N, C-alpha and C. Protein backbone atom coordinates (compact mmCIF):
# COMPACT_ATOMS: atom_id res chain seq x y z
N UNK A 1 -3.66 -22.30 9.94
CA UNK A 1 -3.90 -20.91 10.28
C UNK A 1 -3.96 -20.07 9.00
N UNK A 2 -4.97 -19.24 8.90
CA UNK A 2 -5.15 -18.36 7.75
C UNK A 2 -4.62 -16.98 8.13
N UNK A 3 -3.78 -16.43 7.26
CA UNK A 3 -3.22 -15.09 7.49
C UNK A 3 -4.06 -14.07 6.73
N UNK A 4 -4.41 -12.99 7.43
CA UNK A 4 -5.22 -11.94 6.82
C UNK A 4 -4.34 -10.94 6.08
N UNK A 5 -4.80 -10.57 4.90
CA UNK A 5 -4.16 -9.55 4.08
C UNK A 5 -5.18 -8.42 3.92
N UNK A 6 -4.86 -7.26 4.47
CA UNK A 6 -5.75 -6.10 4.38
C UNK A 6 -5.31 -5.27 3.17
N UNK A 7 -6.17 -5.20 2.17
CA UNK A 7 -5.86 -4.51 0.91
C UNK A 7 -6.63 -3.19 0.88
N UNK A 8 -5.89 -2.07 0.75
CA UNK A 8 -6.49 -0.73 0.70
C UNK A 8 -6.42 -0.21 -0.73
N UNK A 9 -7.55 0.15 -1.25
CA UNK A 9 -7.72 0.59 -2.64
C UNK A 9 -7.09 1.94 -2.92
N UNK A 10 -7.05 2.28 -4.20
CA UNK A 10 -6.68 3.62 -4.64
C UNK A 10 -7.90 4.52 -4.64
N UNK A 11 -7.76 5.72 -5.18
CA UNK A 11 -8.84 6.70 -5.15
C UNK A 11 -9.33 7.04 -6.56
N UNK A 12 -10.46 7.71 -6.59
CA UNK A 12 -11.05 8.15 -7.83
C UNK A 12 -12.37 7.44 -8.08
N UNK A 13 -13.17 8.03 -8.95
CA UNK A 13 -14.46 7.44 -9.26
C UNK A 13 -14.28 6.04 -9.83
N UNK A 14 -14.92 5.06 -9.22
CA UNK A 14 -14.83 3.68 -9.68
C UNK A 14 -13.59 2.93 -9.22
N UNK A 15 -12.80 3.55 -8.35
CA UNK A 15 -11.54 2.92 -7.92
C UNK A 15 -11.77 1.61 -7.17
N UNK A 16 -12.81 1.57 -6.35
CA UNK A 16 -13.06 0.33 -5.59
C UNK A 16 -13.31 -0.84 -6.54
N UNK A 17 -14.15 -0.60 -7.52
CA UNK A 17 -14.45 -1.67 -8.49
C UNK A 17 -13.21 -2.03 -9.30
N UNK A 18 -12.48 -1.02 -9.75
CA UNK A 18 -11.27 -1.28 -10.56
C UNK A 18 -10.22 -2.04 -9.75
N UNK A 19 -9.98 -1.62 -8.52
CA UNK A 19 -8.97 -2.27 -7.69
C UNK A 19 -9.43 -3.63 -7.16
N UNK A 20 -10.73 -3.91 -7.26
CA UNK A 20 -11.21 -5.23 -6.84
C UNK A 20 -10.56 -6.33 -7.68
N UNK A 21 -10.19 -6.01 -8.92
CA UNK A 21 -9.51 -6.98 -9.77
C UNK A 21 -8.12 -7.30 -9.21
N UNK A 22 -7.47 -6.31 -8.61
CA UNK A 22 -6.18 -6.54 -7.96
C UNK A 22 -6.35 -7.42 -6.72
N UNK A 23 -7.36 -7.11 -5.92
CA UNK A 23 -7.62 -7.90 -4.71
C UNK A 23 -7.95 -9.35 -5.08
N UNK A 24 -8.75 -9.54 -6.11
CA UNK A 24 -9.10 -10.90 -6.56
C UNK A 24 -7.88 -11.64 -7.07
N UNK A 25 -7.03 -10.95 -7.81
CA UNK A 25 -5.80 -11.58 -8.30
C UNK A 25 -4.92 -12.02 -7.14
N UNK A 26 -4.79 -11.14 -6.14
CA UNK A 26 -3.97 -11.46 -4.99
C UNK A 26 -4.53 -12.68 -4.24
N UNK A 27 -5.85 -12.72 -4.03
CA UNK A 27 -6.45 -13.86 -3.35
C UNK A 27 -6.23 -15.15 -4.13
N UNK A 28 -6.41 -15.08 -5.44
CA UNK A 28 -6.22 -16.27 -6.28
C UNK A 28 -4.79 -16.78 -6.19
N UNK A 29 -3.83 -15.87 -6.25
CA UNK A 29 -2.42 -16.26 -6.23
C UNK A 29 -1.98 -16.75 -4.84
N UNK A 30 -2.57 -16.19 -3.80
CA UNK A 30 -2.17 -16.58 -2.45
C UNK A 30 -2.78 -17.92 -2.02
N UNK A 31 -3.97 -18.20 -2.46
CA UNK A 31 -4.61 -19.46 -2.10
C UNK A 31 -5.28 -19.42 -0.74
N UNK A 32 -5.67 -20.60 -0.28
CA UNK A 32 -6.54 -20.72 0.89
C UNK A 32 -5.87 -20.47 2.23
N UNK A 33 -4.54 -20.36 2.27
CA UNK A 33 -3.87 -20.08 3.54
C UNK A 33 -3.88 -18.58 3.88
N UNK A 34 -4.46 -17.80 2.97
CA UNK A 34 -4.55 -16.35 3.16
C UNK A 34 -5.98 -15.90 2.89
N UNK A 35 -6.38 -14.84 3.57
CA UNK A 35 -7.70 -14.24 3.35
C UNK A 35 -7.48 -12.77 3.04
N UNK A 36 -7.79 -12.37 1.81
CA UNK A 36 -7.67 -10.96 1.43
C UNK A 36 -8.96 -10.24 1.82
N UNK A 37 -8.82 -9.28 2.71
CA UNK A 37 -9.93 -8.43 3.13
C UNK A 37 -9.83 -7.14 2.33
N UNK A 38 -10.92 -6.79 1.65
CA UNK A 38 -10.91 -5.65 0.75
C UNK A 38 -12.09 -4.72 1.08
N UNK A 39 -11.90 -3.83 2.06
CA UNK A 39 -13.01 -2.95 2.45
C UNK A 39 -13.19 -1.80 1.45
N UNK A 40 -14.43 -1.41 1.26
CA UNK A 40 -14.72 -0.23 0.44
C UNK A 40 -14.44 0.99 1.30
N UNK A 41 -13.55 1.84 0.82
CA UNK A 41 -13.19 3.02 1.59
C UNK A 41 -14.20 4.14 1.33
N UNK A 42 -14.42 5.01 2.33
CA UNK A 42 -15.41 6.07 2.20
C UNK A 42 -14.96 7.18 1.25
N UNK A 43 -15.94 7.73 0.53
CA UNK A 43 -15.71 8.90 -0.33
C UNK A 43 -14.48 8.70 -1.21
N UNK A 44 -14.53 7.67 -2.06
CA UNK A 44 -13.37 7.32 -2.88
C UNK A 44 -13.00 8.40 -3.90
N UNK A 45 -13.90 9.31 -4.19
CA UNK A 45 -13.59 10.37 -5.16
C UNK A 45 -12.72 11.44 -4.52
N UNK A 46 -13.10 11.91 -3.34
CA UNK A 46 -12.35 12.97 -2.66
C UNK A 46 -11.27 12.41 -1.73
N UNK A 47 -11.54 11.26 -1.14
CA UNK A 47 -10.58 10.53 -0.28
C UNK A 47 -9.89 11.40 0.75
N UNK A 48 -10.64 12.02 1.66
CA UNK A 48 -9.98 12.83 2.70
C UNK A 48 -9.11 11.93 3.59
N UNK A 49 -7.87 12.35 3.77
CA UNK A 49 -6.92 11.52 4.50
C UNK A 49 -7.41 11.14 5.89
N UNK A 50 -7.89 12.09 6.67
CA UNK A 50 -8.31 11.78 8.04
C UNK A 50 -9.42 10.74 8.08
N UNK A 51 -10.35 10.82 7.14
CA UNK A 51 -11.44 9.84 7.07
C UNK A 51 -10.89 8.46 6.74
N UNK A 52 -9.98 8.39 5.77
CA UNK A 52 -9.40 7.11 5.38
C UNK A 52 -8.52 6.56 6.49
N UNK A 53 -7.77 7.44 7.15
CA UNK A 53 -6.92 7.02 8.25
C UNK A 53 -7.75 6.34 9.33
N UNK A 54 -8.88 6.96 9.69
CA UNK A 54 -9.77 6.38 10.69
C UNK A 54 -10.30 5.02 10.23
N UNK A 55 -10.69 4.93 8.97
CA UNK A 55 -11.23 3.67 8.45
C UNK A 55 -10.16 2.58 8.41
N UNK A 56 -8.95 2.93 8.00
CA UNK A 56 -7.86 1.95 7.97
C UNK A 56 -7.57 1.45 9.38
N UNK A 57 -7.57 2.36 10.36
CA UNK A 57 -7.35 1.95 11.75
C UNK A 57 -8.44 1.00 12.22
N UNK A 58 -9.70 1.27 11.85
CA UNK A 58 -10.80 0.37 12.22
C UNK A 58 -10.61 -1.00 11.59
N UNK A 59 -10.20 -1.02 10.34
CA UNK A 59 -9.98 -2.30 9.64
C UNK A 59 -8.83 -3.07 10.29
N UNK A 60 -7.78 -2.36 10.68
CA UNK A 60 -6.66 -3.01 11.37
C UNK A 60 -7.11 -3.59 12.71
N UNK A 61 -7.91 -2.82 13.44
CA UNK A 61 -8.40 -3.29 14.73
C UNK A 61 -9.24 -4.55 14.59
N UNK A 62 -9.99 -4.65 13.50
CA UNK A 62 -10.88 -5.80 13.27
C UNK A 62 -10.15 -7.00 12.66
N UNK A 63 -8.94 -6.78 12.15
CA UNK A 63 -8.20 -7.84 11.45
C UNK A 63 -7.69 -8.89 12.44
N UNK A 64 -7.56 -10.10 11.92
CA UNK A 64 -6.96 -11.16 12.74
C UNK A 64 -5.44 -11.01 12.69
N UNK A 65 -4.77 -11.58 13.68
CA UNK A 65 -3.32 -11.43 13.81
C UNK A 65 -2.61 -12.63 13.21
N UNK A 66 -1.43 -12.45 12.69
CA UNK A 66 -0.83 -11.18 12.27
C UNK A 66 -1.44 -10.74 10.94
N UNK A 67 -1.35 -9.46 10.64
CA UNK A 67 -1.95 -8.94 9.43
C UNK A 67 -0.86 -8.46 8.47
N UNK A 68 -1.17 -8.59 7.19
CA UNK A 68 -0.31 -8.07 6.13
C UNK A 68 -1.04 -6.90 5.50
N UNK A 69 -0.36 -5.77 5.36
CA UNK A 69 -0.95 -4.57 4.78
C UNK A 69 -0.52 -4.42 3.33
N UNK A 70 -1.49 -4.22 2.44
CA UNK A 70 -1.21 -3.97 1.04
C UNK A 70 -2.00 -2.73 0.63
N UNK A 71 -1.34 -1.79 -0.03
CA UNK A 71 -2.03 -0.60 -0.50
C UNK A 71 -1.68 -0.32 -1.94
N UNK A 72 -2.68 0.13 -2.70
CA UNK A 72 -2.46 0.48 -4.10
C UNK A 72 -2.65 1.99 -4.29
N UNK A 73 -1.71 2.59 -4.99
CA UNK A 73 -1.78 3.99 -5.37
C UNK A 73 -1.91 4.88 -4.12
N UNK A 74 -2.93 5.73 -4.07
CA UNK A 74 -3.05 6.62 -2.91
C UNK A 74 -3.29 5.82 -1.64
N UNK A 75 -3.92 4.66 -1.75
CA UNK A 75 -4.07 3.79 -0.59
C UNK A 75 -2.73 3.41 0.00
N UNK A 76 -1.73 3.22 -0.86
CA UNK A 76 -0.37 2.92 -0.39
C UNK A 76 0.25 4.13 0.29
N UNK A 77 0.06 5.31 -0.29
CA UNK A 77 0.57 6.54 0.34
C UNK A 77 -0.07 6.75 1.71
N UNK A 78 -1.37 6.47 1.81
CA UNK A 78 -2.07 6.64 3.08
C UNK A 78 -1.54 5.66 4.13
N UNK A 79 -1.27 4.43 3.72
CA UNK A 79 -0.71 3.46 4.66
C UNK A 79 0.64 3.95 5.17
N UNK A 80 1.50 4.40 4.25
CA UNK A 80 2.82 4.88 4.64
C UNK A 80 2.71 6.04 5.63
N UNK A 81 1.83 6.98 5.34
CA UNK A 81 1.67 8.13 6.23
C UNK A 81 1.11 7.70 7.59
N UNK A 82 0.09 6.86 7.58
CA UNK A 82 -0.51 6.39 8.82
C UNK A 82 0.52 5.72 9.71
N UNK A 83 1.40 4.91 9.12
CA UNK A 83 2.40 4.20 9.92
C UNK A 83 3.43 5.13 10.56
N UNK A 84 3.52 6.37 10.07
CA UNK A 84 4.42 7.34 10.71
C UNK A 84 3.72 8.10 11.82
N UNK A 85 2.39 7.97 11.91
CA UNK A 85 1.62 8.75 12.87
C UNK A 85 1.06 7.96 14.03
N UNK A 86 0.76 6.70 13.80
CA UNK A 86 0.11 5.90 14.84
C UNK A 86 0.87 4.61 15.07
N UNK A 87 0.76 4.11 16.28
CA UNK A 87 1.35 2.81 16.59
C UNK A 87 0.29 1.75 16.35
N UNK A 88 0.62 0.80 15.48
CA UNK A 88 -0.29 -0.30 15.19
C UNK A 88 -0.14 -1.31 16.32
N UNK A 89 -1.25 -1.68 16.93
CA UNK A 89 -1.21 -2.55 18.10
C UNK A 89 -1.29 -4.03 17.76
N UNK A 90 -1.44 -4.34 16.49
CA UNK A 90 -1.45 -5.73 16.06
C UNK A 90 -0.12 -6.04 15.39
N UNK A 91 0.33 -7.27 15.52
CA UNK A 91 1.56 -7.63 14.81
C UNK A 91 1.34 -7.58 13.29
N UNK A 92 2.27 -6.92 12.61
CA UNK A 92 2.25 -6.86 11.15
C UNK A 92 3.27 -7.85 10.61
N UNK A 93 2.90 -8.60 9.58
CA UNK A 93 3.84 -9.52 8.95
C UNK A 93 4.55 -8.89 7.77
N UNK A 94 3.93 -7.90 7.17
CA UNK A 94 4.55 -7.26 6.02
C UNK A 94 3.74 -6.06 5.56
N UNK A 95 4.42 -5.15 4.87
CA UNK A 95 3.82 -3.95 4.31
C UNK A 95 4.19 -3.93 2.83
N UNK A 96 3.18 -3.83 1.97
CA UNK A 96 3.38 -3.90 0.53
C UNK A 96 2.73 -2.68 -0.11
N UNK A 97 3.54 -1.79 -0.68
CA UNK A 97 3.06 -0.55 -1.27
C UNK A 97 3.21 -0.60 -2.78
N UNK A 98 2.08 -0.50 -3.50
CA UNK A 98 2.05 -0.66 -4.95
C UNK A 98 1.72 0.65 -5.64
N UNK A 99 2.58 1.08 -6.56
CA UNK A 99 2.32 2.26 -7.39
C UNK A 99 2.00 3.49 -6.54
N UNK A 100 2.76 3.69 -5.47
CA UNK A 100 2.47 4.77 -4.52
C UNK A 100 2.99 6.11 -5.02
N UNK A 101 2.13 7.13 -5.04
CA UNK A 101 2.61 8.48 -5.32
C UNK A 101 3.42 9.00 -4.13
N UNK A 102 4.49 9.70 -4.43
CA UNK A 102 5.35 10.30 -3.40
C UNK A 102 4.98 11.77 -3.27
N UNK A 103 4.77 12.22 -2.06
CA UNK A 103 4.31 13.58 -1.81
C UNK A 103 5.43 14.46 -1.27
N UNK A 104 5.61 15.63 -1.88
CA UNK A 104 6.63 16.57 -1.44
C UNK A 104 7.94 16.35 -2.17
N UNK A 105 8.94 17.16 -1.83
CA UNK A 105 10.26 17.04 -2.45
C UNK A 105 10.18 17.05 -3.96
N UNK A 106 10.72 16.00 -4.59
CA UNK A 106 10.69 15.87 -6.05
C UNK A 106 9.45 15.13 -6.54
N UNK A 107 8.54 14.82 -5.62
CA UNK A 107 7.30 14.12 -5.97
C UNK A 107 6.19 15.10 -6.28
N UNK A 108 4.98 14.71 -5.97
CA UNK A 108 3.82 15.54 -6.26
C UNK A 108 3.68 16.66 -5.24
N UNK A 109 3.31 17.85 -5.75
CA UNK A 109 3.17 19.03 -4.90
C UNK A 109 1.81 19.69 -5.11
N UNK A 110 0.74 18.89 -5.13
CA UNK A 110 -0.60 19.43 -5.29
C UNK A 110 -1.04 20.13 -4.01
N UNK A 111 -2.10 20.94 -4.13
CA UNK A 111 -2.64 21.65 -2.98
C UNK A 111 -2.93 20.66 -1.85
N UNK A 112 -2.44 20.98 -0.67
CA UNK A 112 -2.66 20.13 0.50
C UNK A 112 -1.72 18.94 0.61
N UNK A 113 -0.72 18.85 -0.29
CA UNK A 113 0.18 17.69 -0.28
C UNK A 113 0.93 17.52 1.04
N UNK A 114 1.14 18.62 1.74
CA UNK A 114 1.92 18.57 2.97
C UNK A 114 1.35 17.57 3.96
N UNK A 115 0.04 17.38 3.92
CA UNK A 115 -0.64 16.44 4.82
C UNK A 115 -0.14 15.01 4.62
N UNK A 116 0.31 14.69 3.41
CA UNK A 116 0.75 13.33 3.10
C UNK A 116 2.27 13.17 3.05
N UNK A 117 2.98 14.27 3.18
CA UNK A 117 4.44 14.22 3.11
C UNK A 117 4.99 13.40 4.28
N UNK A 118 5.89 12.49 3.98
CA UNK A 118 6.50 11.66 5.01
C UNK A 118 7.62 12.42 5.71
N UNK A 119 7.78 12.22 7.01
CA UNK A 119 8.88 12.89 7.71
C UNK A 119 10.23 12.32 7.27
N UNK A 120 11.26 13.12 7.36
CA UNK A 120 12.60 12.67 6.95
C UNK A 120 13.08 11.49 7.79
N UNK A 121 12.60 11.38 9.01
CA UNK A 121 13.00 10.26 9.86
C UNK A 121 12.00 9.11 9.80
N UNK A 122 11.35 8.96 8.65
CA UNK A 122 10.31 7.95 8.47
C UNK A 122 10.79 6.55 8.83
N UNK A 123 12.06 6.26 8.56
CA UNK A 123 12.57 4.92 8.82
C UNK A 123 12.48 4.57 10.31
N UNK A 124 12.58 5.55 11.17
CA UNK A 124 12.48 5.29 12.61
C UNK A 124 11.04 5.20 13.09
N UNK A 125 10.11 5.63 12.26
CA UNK A 125 8.70 5.62 12.64
C UNK A 125 7.96 4.38 12.15
N UNK A 126 8.49 3.71 11.14
CA UNK A 126 7.86 2.49 10.65
C UNK A 126 8.03 1.38 11.68
N UNK A 127 7.09 0.43 11.72
CA UNK A 127 7.19 -0.66 12.69
C UNK A 127 8.52 -1.43 12.54
N UNK A 128 9.19 -1.66 13.67
CA UNK A 128 10.47 -2.37 13.68
C UNK A 128 10.31 -3.82 13.23
N UNK A 129 11.24 -4.27 12.42
CA UNK A 129 11.32 -5.67 12.05
C UNK A 129 10.25 -6.15 11.10
N UNK A 130 9.45 -5.25 10.54
CA UNK A 130 8.41 -5.65 9.59
C UNK A 130 8.95 -5.47 8.19
N UNK A 131 8.85 -6.51 7.38
CA UNK A 131 9.32 -6.45 6.00
C UNK A 131 8.48 -5.44 5.21
N UNK A 132 9.17 -4.63 4.43
CA UNK A 132 8.54 -3.60 3.61
C UNK A 132 8.92 -3.82 2.16
N UNK A 133 7.92 -3.78 1.28
CA UNK A 133 8.14 -3.97 -0.16
C UNK A 133 7.52 -2.81 -0.92
N UNK A 134 8.23 -2.35 -1.94
CA UNK A 134 7.76 -1.29 -2.83
C UNK A 134 7.71 -1.83 -4.25
N UNK A 135 6.61 -1.60 -4.95
CA UNK A 135 6.43 -2.07 -6.33
C UNK A 135 6.03 -0.90 -7.21
N UNK A 136 6.59 -0.86 -8.41
CA UNK A 136 6.19 0.18 -9.37
C UNK A 136 6.50 -0.30 -10.78
N UNK A 137 5.56 -0.06 -11.68
CA UNK A 137 5.79 -0.41 -13.08
C UNK A 137 6.43 0.78 -13.79
N UNK A 138 7.30 0.46 -14.72
CA UNK A 138 7.97 1.51 -15.50
C UNK A 138 6.98 2.27 -16.38
N UNK A 139 5.89 1.60 -16.76
CA UNK A 139 4.94 2.23 -17.68
C UNK A 139 3.67 2.72 -16.98
N UNK A 140 3.76 3.01 -15.70
CA UNK A 140 2.61 3.55 -14.97
C UNK A 140 2.24 4.89 -15.61
N UNK A 141 1.00 4.98 -16.07
CA UNK A 141 0.55 6.18 -16.77
C UNK A 141 0.00 7.24 -15.82
N UNK A 142 -0.07 6.94 -14.54
CA UNK A 142 -0.62 7.89 -13.57
C UNK A 142 0.46 8.40 -12.61
N UNK A 143 1.16 7.49 -11.96
CA UNK A 143 2.20 7.86 -11.00
C UNK A 143 3.56 7.64 -11.66
N UNK A 144 4.37 8.69 -11.82
CA UNK A 144 5.66 8.54 -12.48
C UNK A 144 6.55 7.49 -11.81
N UNK A 145 7.29 6.77 -12.64
CA UNK A 145 8.17 5.71 -12.15
C UNK A 145 9.21 6.24 -11.17
N UNK A 146 9.66 7.48 -11.33
CA UNK A 146 10.69 8.02 -10.44
C UNK A 146 10.22 8.19 -8.99
N UNK A 147 8.92 8.07 -8.74
CA UNK A 147 8.43 8.11 -7.36
C UNK A 147 8.93 6.91 -6.57
N UNK A 148 9.18 5.80 -7.26
CA UNK A 148 9.72 4.61 -6.59
C UNK A 148 11.09 4.93 -5.99
N UNK A 149 11.94 5.60 -6.73
CA UNK A 149 13.27 5.95 -6.22
C UNK A 149 13.18 6.91 -5.03
N UNK A 150 12.21 7.81 -5.04
CA UNK A 150 12.03 8.73 -3.92
C UNK A 150 11.67 7.96 -2.65
N UNK A 151 10.77 6.99 -2.79
CA UNK A 151 10.41 6.15 -1.64
C UNK A 151 11.59 5.31 -1.18
N UNK A 152 12.30 4.71 -2.12
CA UNK A 152 13.39 3.81 -1.73
C UNK A 152 14.54 4.56 -1.06
N UNK A 153 14.73 5.82 -1.40
CA UNK A 153 15.74 6.64 -0.73
C UNK A 153 15.33 6.91 0.72
N UNK A 154 14.07 7.20 0.92
CA UNK A 154 13.57 7.50 2.26
C UNK A 154 13.40 6.24 3.10
N UNK A 155 13.18 5.10 2.44
CA UNK A 155 12.94 3.82 3.11
C UNK A 155 13.96 2.78 2.63
N UNK A 156 15.23 2.95 2.99
CA UNK A 156 16.27 2.07 2.47
C UNK A 156 16.13 0.61 2.91
N UNK A 157 15.32 0.33 3.93
CA UNK A 157 15.12 -1.03 4.38
C UNK A 157 14.17 -1.81 3.46
N UNK A 158 13.53 -1.12 2.54
CA UNK A 158 12.53 -1.76 1.68
C UNK A 158 13.16 -2.62 0.59
N UNK A 159 12.46 -3.68 0.27
CA UNK A 159 12.78 -4.47 -0.92
C UNK A 159 12.03 -3.80 -2.06
N UNK A 160 12.76 -3.48 -3.14
CA UNK A 160 12.19 -2.74 -4.25
C UNK A 160 12.00 -3.67 -5.45
N UNK A 161 10.81 -3.62 -6.03
CA UNK A 161 10.49 -4.42 -7.21
C UNK A 161 10.12 -3.48 -8.35
N UNK A 162 11.02 -3.38 -9.32
CA UNK A 162 10.74 -2.61 -10.53
C UNK A 162 10.12 -3.57 -11.53
N UNK A 163 8.95 -3.22 -12.02
CA UNK A 163 8.21 -4.08 -12.95
C UNK A 163 8.19 -3.39 -14.31
N UNK A 164 8.57 -4.11 -15.34
CA UNK A 164 8.68 -3.50 -16.67
C UNK A 164 7.35 -2.98 -17.20
N UNK A 165 6.33 -3.85 -17.22
CA UNK A 165 5.06 -3.46 -17.84
C UNK A 165 3.89 -3.87 -16.97
N UNK A 166 2.81 -3.15 -17.15
CA UNK A 166 1.59 -3.46 -16.42
C UNK A 166 0.74 -2.24 -16.14
N UNK A 167 1.32 -1.05 -16.35
CA UNK A 167 0.56 0.17 -16.10
C UNK A 167 0.22 0.34 -14.64
N UNK A 168 -0.59 1.32 -14.37
CA UNK A 168 -0.94 1.65 -12.99
C UNK A 168 -1.68 0.50 -12.30
N UNK A 169 -2.40 -0.29 -13.08
CA UNK A 169 -3.17 -1.41 -12.51
C UNK A 169 -2.39 -2.72 -12.58
N UNK A 170 -1.11 -2.69 -12.92
CA UNK A 170 -0.24 -3.87 -12.94
C UNK A 170 -0.86 -5.02 -13.74
N UNK A 171 -1.58 -4.68 -14.82
CA UNK A 171 -2.28 -5.68 -15.63
C UNK A 171 -3.19 -6.56 -14.78
N UNK A 172 -3.63 -6.03 -13.63
CA UNK A 172 -4.49 -6.78 -12.70
C UNK A 172 -3.90 -8.14 -12.34
N UNK A 173 -2.58 -8.16 -12.22
CA UNK A 173 -1.85 -9.39 -11.90
C UNK A 173 -0.89 -9.11 -10.74
N UNK A 174 -1.24 -9.63 -9.57
CA UNK A 174 -0.39 -9.41 -8.40
C UNK A 174 0.38 -10.67 -8.02
N UNK A 175 0.74 -11.46 -9.01
CA UNK A 175 1.49 -12.70 -8.74
C UNK A 175 2.85 -12.39 -8.11
N UNK A 176 3.50 -11.31 -8.52
CA UNK A 176 4.81 -10.97 -7.94
C UNK A 176 4.65 -10.58 -6.46
N UNK A 177 3.57 -9.91 -6.12
CA UNK A 177 3.31 -9.53 -4.74
C UNK A 177 2.99 -10.80 -3.93
N UNK A 178 2.18 -11.67 -4.50
CA UNK A 178 1.83 -12.92 -3.81
C UNK A 178 3.07 -13.77 -3.52
N UNK A 179 3.99 -13.81 -4.46
CA UNK A 179 5.24 -14.58 -4.22
C UNK A 179 6.00 -14.03 -3.02
N UNK A 180 6.10 -12.70 -2.95
CA UNK A 180 6.80 -12.08 -1.82
C UNK A 180 6.06 -12.33 -0.50
N UNK A 181 4.74 -12.25 -0.53
CA UNK A 181 3.97 -12.51 0.69
C UNK A 181 4.18 -13.95 1.16
N UNK A 182 4.16 -14.88 0.24
CA UNK A 182 4.32 -16.29 0.60
C UNK A 182 5.72 -16.57 1.18
N UNK A 183 6.70 -15.76 0.82
CA UNK A 183 8.08 -15.97 1.30
C UNK A 183 8.36 -15.30 2.64
N UNK A 184 7.39 -14.55 3.18
CA UNK A 184 7.60 -13.93 4.49
C UNK A 184 7.81 -15.01 5.53
N UNK A 185 8.71 -14.78 6.45
CA UNK A 185 8.98 -15.76 7.53
C UNK A 185 8.08 -15.45 8.70
């Protein structure tokens, strides 16, 4: 049986191409028992949340069961927000959020940030019994490292992986994520 891994990219001009190196690394490290699905998200420059939310839901509906969700950067923030708003009807094996910006509080407060702010009771809104992992590099040049602590406070059930070096793109090496995925029961 092949397990599907749905990988959601980050945002910005050229993000799909840049994050494709992460998706390829993950597929290589996971091997043939996993299939990394890497859809191109609409309007990657502006990345309107509602549009991406709809697309992520379509991708989840089309995914084989059980599915593993992986998101990078804003894609990770969008996954976290979506999981607080909708009930996923497919069994999830794991949720992996990489270099996710935290919105509100001590995180980012850009115009319109409220749309992405997680509710204080987020832990009760996430799917029950699904393993959650948070990853962040100390030298991320885009999303401050302290955003990891903000997420881990709000999501105490998460396994947290602090990575010393790799920048925002994790040196295009997702071997640590692949190891965690392979260890899911």
